Structure formats: structure tokens, C-alpha cells
């Protein structure tokens, strides 16, 4: 969790808060790929795309 805190502080100090939603979407898509790689839900996840 300290990494996320440091990332938020960095984005706030550098006035790059517009990057936060992009980073969040990338993390969510990565989690979706990991989840769909070997689970029973994989066929349902693939139909979304």
C-alpha cells in the first residue's frame, strides 16, 4: 500500500492527477486478464471483448 501512497503523492506534486484514471484502468484490465487466464469464467470474460 505504500507504493500506491507514494504514487498518489508523486502525481499530486507533479500536477499529473489526470494520469490516475488511466493507471486505474490499466490495473483493472491487467487483473481481468489474470483472472481470465485459467478460470471457469474465462469464456464469459472473452465475450465482453
C-alpha atoms as a PDB file:
ATOM      1  CA  UNK A   1       0.000   0.000   0.000  1.00  0.00           C
ATOM      2  CA  UNK A   2       2.938   2.341   0.474  1.00  0.00           C
ATOM      3  CA  UNK A   3       3.602   2.150  -3.264  1.00  0.00           C
ATOM      4  CA  UNK A   4       0.105   3.442  -4.016  1.00  0.00           C
ATOM      5  CA  UNK A   5       0.516   6.214  -1.467  1.00  0.00           C
ATOM      6  CA  UNK A   6       3.847   7.261  -2.965  1.00  0.00           C
ATOM      7  CA  UNK A   7       2.374   7.143  -6.472  1.00  0.00           C
ATOM      8  CA  UNK A   8      -0.512   9.399  -5.449  1.00  0.00           C
ATOM      9  CA  UNK A   9       1.858  11.862  -3.746  1.00  0.00           C
ATOM     10  CA  UNK A  10       4.058  11.903  -6.848  1.00  0.00           C
ATOM     11  CA  UNK A  11       1.093  12.558  -9.139  1.00  0.00           C
ATOM     12  CA  UNK A  12      -0.195  15.317  -6.858  1.00  0.00           C
ATOM     13  CA  UNK A  13       3.162  17.103  -6.560  1.00  0.00           C
ATOM     14  CA  UNK A  14       3.865  16.915 -10.292  1.00  0.00           C
ATOM     15  CA  UNK A  15       0.280  18.009 -11.093  1.00  0.00           C
ATOM     16  CA  UNK A  16      -0.307  14.852 -13.115  1.00  0.00           C
ATOM     17  CA  UNK A  17      -3.551  13.760 -11.455  1.00  0.00           C
ATOM     18  CA  UNK A  18      -5.086  13.239 -14.902  1.00  0.00           C
ATOM     19  CA  UNK A  19      -2.940  10.092 -15.120  1.00  0.00           C
ATOM     20  CA  UNK A  20      -4.709   8.463 -12.161  1.00  0.00           C
ATOM     21  CA  UNK A  21      -7.758   7.193 -14.149  1.00  0.00           C
ATOM     22  CA  UNK A  22      -5.501   5.836 -16.885  1.00  0.00           C
ATOM     23  CA  UNK A  23      -3.380   3.932 -14.360  1.00  0.00           C
ATOM     24  CA  UNK A  24      -6.528   2.587 -12.694  1.00  0.00           C
ATOM     25  CA  UNK A  25      -7.926   1.299 -15.999  1.00  0.00           C
ATOM     26  CA  UNK A  26      -4.628  -0.378 -16.874  1.00  0.00           C
ATOM     27  CA  UNK A  27      -4.547  -2.110 -13.475  1.00  0.00           C
ATOM     28  CA  UNK A  28      -8.161  -3.277 -13.835  1.00  0.00           C
ATOM     29  CA  UNK A  29      -7.546  -4.663 -17.333  1.00  0.00           C
ATOM     30  CA  UNK A  30      -4.438  -6.461 -16.079  1.00  0.00           C
ATOM     31  CA  UNK A  31      -6.428  -8.005 -13.256  1.00  0.00           C
ATOM     32  CA  UNK A  32      -9.115  -9.070 -15.707  1.00  0.00           C
ATOM     33  CA  UNK A  33      -6.507 -10.779 -17.878  1.00  0.00           C
ATOM     34  CA  UNK A  34      -5.014 -12.603 -14.914  1.00  0.00           C
ATOM     35  CA  UNK A  35      -8.452 -13.669 -13.731  1.00  0.00           C
ATOM     36  CA  UNK A  36      -9.493 -14.860 -17.176  1.00  0.00           C
ATOM     37  CA  UNK A  37      -6.341 -16.789 -17.879  1.00  0.00           C
ATOM     38  CA  UNK A  38      -7.204 -20.009 -16.116  1.00  0.00           C
ATOM     39  CA  UNK A  39     -10.610 -19.761 -14.544  1.00  0.00           C
ATOM     40  CA  UNK A  40     -14.061 -21.079 -15.283  1.00  0.00           C
ATOM     41  CA  UNK A  41     -15.150 -17.516 -16.008  1.00  0.00           C
ATOM     42  CA  UNK A  42     -12.782 -17.172 -18.980  1.00  0.00           C
ATOM     43  CA  UNK A  43     -15.410 -17.807 -21.714  1.00  0.00           C
ATOM     44  CA  UNK A  44     -17.658 -15.135 -20.208  1.00  0.00           C
ATOM     45  CA  UNK A  45     -14.824 -12.601 -19.960  1.00  0.00           C
ATOM     46  CA  UNK A  46     -13.804 -13.185 -23.574  1.00  0.00           C
ATOM     47  CA  UNK A  47     -17.352 -12.475 -24.784  1.00  0.00           C
ATOM     48  CA  UNK A  48     -17.056  -8.953 -23.363  1.00  0.00           C
ATOM     49  CA  UNK A  49     -14.414  -8.127 -25.928  1.00  0.00           C
END
